[in-house]
């Protein structure tokens, strides 16, 4: 199905607002995003932005289930998002997988986090610096530790 960038962006903003609201937002967020889950084309977006927008639909569902404490469903939604793009959900996905020792997701979370970091390193130095200033040291350390943990455990699980 084809949707415009504005349509999907508006739904994502509405879902994001719901994420901040009630304790159990998944059902309401699913209601907002369900029309866009079959989206295969986003008009007005190309290449990486196109994939990131499509991926965000599923990552938002992962965020909702993670907020509710349903890490298994959150991981499944994040995996689906990751199959499209290693978007901004990668650090949260990896951290959740590590924190809850979701061994079935180690390999996927590792692949997603490595791709996300590759995209990060491709950004101009000034953009990375500004982001690091706004990001807490704790978050940066989580990402580094999660990457190390996943590298160690994804490999040992595959062996």
Protein backbone atom coordinates (compact mmCIF):
# COMPACT_ATOMS: atom_id res chain seq x y z
CA UNK A 1 0.00 0.00 0.00
CA UNK A 2 1.10 3.55 -0.67
CA UNK A 3 0.81 6.35 1.87
CA UNK A 4 2.17 9.86 1.88
CA UNK A 5 5.01 10.89 4.15
CA UNK A 6 2.64 13.39 5.80
CA UNK A 7 -0.01 10.73 6.52
CA UNK A 8 2.44 8.34 8.16
CA UNK A 9 4.25 11.14 10.02
CA UNK A 10 0.97 12.41 11.43
CA UNK A 11 0.03 8.91 12.65
CA UNK A 12 3.49 8.46 14.20
CA UNK A 13 3.21 11.80 16.03
CA UNK A 14 -0.21 10.84 17.36
CA UNK A 15 1.09 7.43 18.46
CA UNK A 16 4.09 9.07 20.11
CA UNK A 17 1.74 11.26 22.13
CA UNK A 18 -0.18 8.18 23.24
CA UNK A 19 3.08 6.56 24.31
CA UNK A 20 3.49 9.32 26.89
CA UNK A 21 -0.07 8.91 28.12
CA UNK A 22 -1.76 5.92 29.77
CA UNK A 23 0.11 3.07 31.38
CA UNK A 24 -1.04 0.55 28.74
CA UNK A 25 -0.79 2.38 25.41
CA UNK A 26 -0.29 -0.58 23.02
CA UNK A 27 -3.95 -1.07 22.10
CA UNK A 28 -4.52 2.61 21.36
CA UNK A 29 -1.25 2.90 19.43
CA UNK A 30 -2.13 -0.21 17.41
CA UNK A 31 -5.46 1.39 16.58
CA UNK A 32 -3.69 4.49 15.23
CA UNK A 33 -0.96 2.63 13.35
CA UNK A 34 -2.80 -0.44 12.05
CA UNK A 35 -3.87 1.23 8.78
CA UNK A 36 -0.19 1.85 7.98
CA UNK A 37 1.24 -1.57 8.86
CA UNK A 38 0.79 -2.76 5.28
CA UNK A 39 2.67 0.28 3.96
CA UNK A 40 5.14 -0.64 1.24
CA UNK A 41 5.66 2.79 -0.26
CA UNK A 42 5.92 6.23 1.33
CA UNK A 43 5.46 8.98 -1.22
CA UNK A 44 7.56 12.04 -0.56
CA UNK A 45 10.37 10.01 0.98
CA UNK A 46 13.18 8.16 -0.71
CA UNK A 47 15.94 5.72 0.12
CA UNK A 48 16.91 5.69 3.79
CA UNK A 49 14.16 8.06 4.91
CA UNK A 50 11.57 5.84 3.19
CA UNK A 51 12.79 2.77 5.06
CA UNK A 52 13.16 4.65 8.35
CA UNK A 53 9.56 5.86 8.19
CA UNK A 54 8.24 2.37 7.44
CA UNK A 55 10.41 0.91 10.20
CA UNK A 56 9.17 3.52 12.68
CA UNK A 57 5.64 2.16 12.45
CA UNK A 58 6.74 -1.18 13.89
CA UNK A 59 9.32 0.31 16.26
CA UNK A 60 6.56 2.44 17.80
CA UNK A 61 4.64 -0.76 18.56
CA UNK A 62 7.82 -2.14 20.13
CA UNK A 63 8.07 1.00 22.25
CA UNK A 64 4.46 0.59 23.36
CA UNK A 65 4.87 -3.02 24.45
CA UNK A 66 8.21 -2.25 26.11
CA UNK A 67 6.48 0.48 28.10
CA UNK A 68 3.85 -2.03 29.17
CA UNK A 69 6.56 -4.46 30.28
CA UNK A 70 5.77 -7.05 27.61
CA UNK A 71 9.36 -7.51 26.44
CA UNK A 72 8.65 -10.57 24.31
CA UNK A 73 6.10 -8.75 22.15
CA UNK A 74 8.27 -5.62 22.13
CA UNK A 75 11.21 -7.66 20.83
CA UNK A 76 9.06 -9.17 18.08
CA UNK A 77 7.94 -5.71 16.92
CA UNK A 78 11.49 -4.36 17.09
CA UNK A 79 12.68 -7.33 15.04
CA UNK A 80 10.07 -6.52 12.42
CA UNK A 81 11.18 -2.87 12.40
CA UNK A 82 14.81 -3.95 12.12
CA UNK A 83 14.07 -6.07 9.07
CA UNK A 84 13.28 -2.80 7.27
CA UNK A 85 15.79 -0.39 8.80
CA UNK A 86 18.19 -0.13 11.74
CA UNK A 87 16.46 3.07 12.76
CA UNK A 88 16.58 4.98 16.00
CA UNK A 89 15.02 2.06 17.86
CA UNK A 90 18.26 0.04 17.72
CA UNK A 91 19.77 1.13 21.07
CA UNK A 92 16.50 0.60 22.98
CA UNK A 93 16.00 -2.78 21.30
CA UNK A 94 19.53 -3.93 22.07
CA UNK A 95 19.36 -2.74 25.67
CA UNK A 96 16.05 -4.49 26.28
CA UNK A 97 17.34 -7.73 24.73
CA UNK A 98 20.46 -7.61 26.91
CA UNK A 99 18.68 -6.57 30.09
CA UNK A 100 16.12 -9.37 29.81
CA UNK A 101 18.52 -11.90 28.28
CA UNK A 102 16.27 -12.59 25.29
CA UNK A 103 18.67 -15.07 23.68
CA UNK A 104 16.45 -15.64 20.63
CA UNK A 105 16.94 -11.99 19.71
CA UNK A 106 20.70 -11.62 20.34
CA UNK A 107 21.76 -12.03 16.73
CA UNK A 108 19.12 -9.69 15.33
CA UNK A 109 19.71 -7.04 18.00
CA UNK A 110 23.46 -7.23 17.32
CA UNK A 111 23.01 -6.87 13.56
CA UNK A 112 20.63 -3.94 14.07
CA UNK A 113 22.88 -2.16 16.57
CA UNK A 114 25.99 -2.60 14.40
CA UNK A 115 24.13 -1.18 11.37
CA UNK A 116 22.79 1.67 13.48
CA UNK A 117 26.29 2.51 14.73
CA UNK A 118 27.59 2.40 11.15
CA UNK A 119 25.01 4.95 10.14
CA UNK A 120 25.95 7.00 13.19
CA UNK A 121 29.62 7.00 12.28
CA UNK A 122 28.79 8.09 8.73
CA UNK A 123 27.25 11.33 10.06
CA UNK A 124 29.33 14.49 10.11
CA UNK A 125 31.45 14.91 13.24
CA UNK A 126 29.59 18.05 14.34
CA UNK A 127 26.24 16.23 14.27
CA UNK A 128 27.67 13.39 16.35
CA UNK A 129 29.20 15.83 18.82
CA UNK A 130 25.95 17.74 19.28
CA UNK A 131 24.02 14.52 19.78
CA UNK A 132 26.52 13.27 22.37
CA UNK A 133 26.24 16.54 24.27
CA UNK A 134 22.46 16.11 24.44
CA UNK A 135 22.67 12.39 25.25
CA UNK A 136 23.54 11.26 28.72
CA UNK A 137 26.78 9.45 29.37
CA UNK A 138 24.69 6.65 30.87
CA UNK A 139 22.89 6.07 27.55
CA UNK A 140 26.18 6.07 25.64
CA UNK A 141 27.65 3.55 28.07
CA UNK A 142 24.55 1.33 27.75
CA UNK A 143 25.00 1.22 23.99
CA UNK A 144 28.70 0.38 24.26
CA UNK A 145 28.10 -2.30 26.90
CA UNK A 146 25.13 -3.76 25.03
CA UNK A 147 27.19 -4.02 21.85
CA UNK A 148 29.94 -5.87 23.72
CA UNK A 149 27.43 -8.17 25.44
CA UNK A 150 25.64 -8.99 22.18
CA UNK A 151 28.90 -9.67 20.35
CA UNK A 152 29.91 -12.12 23.04
CA UNK A 153 26.55 -13.83 23.50
CA UNK A 154 25.27 -13.89 19.91
CA UNK A 155 28.43 -15.66 18.83
CA UNK A 156 28.37 -18.14 21.70
CA UNK A 157 24.68 -18.90 21.05
CA UNK A 158 25.37 -19.52 17.35
CA UNK A 159 28.21 -21.92 18.14
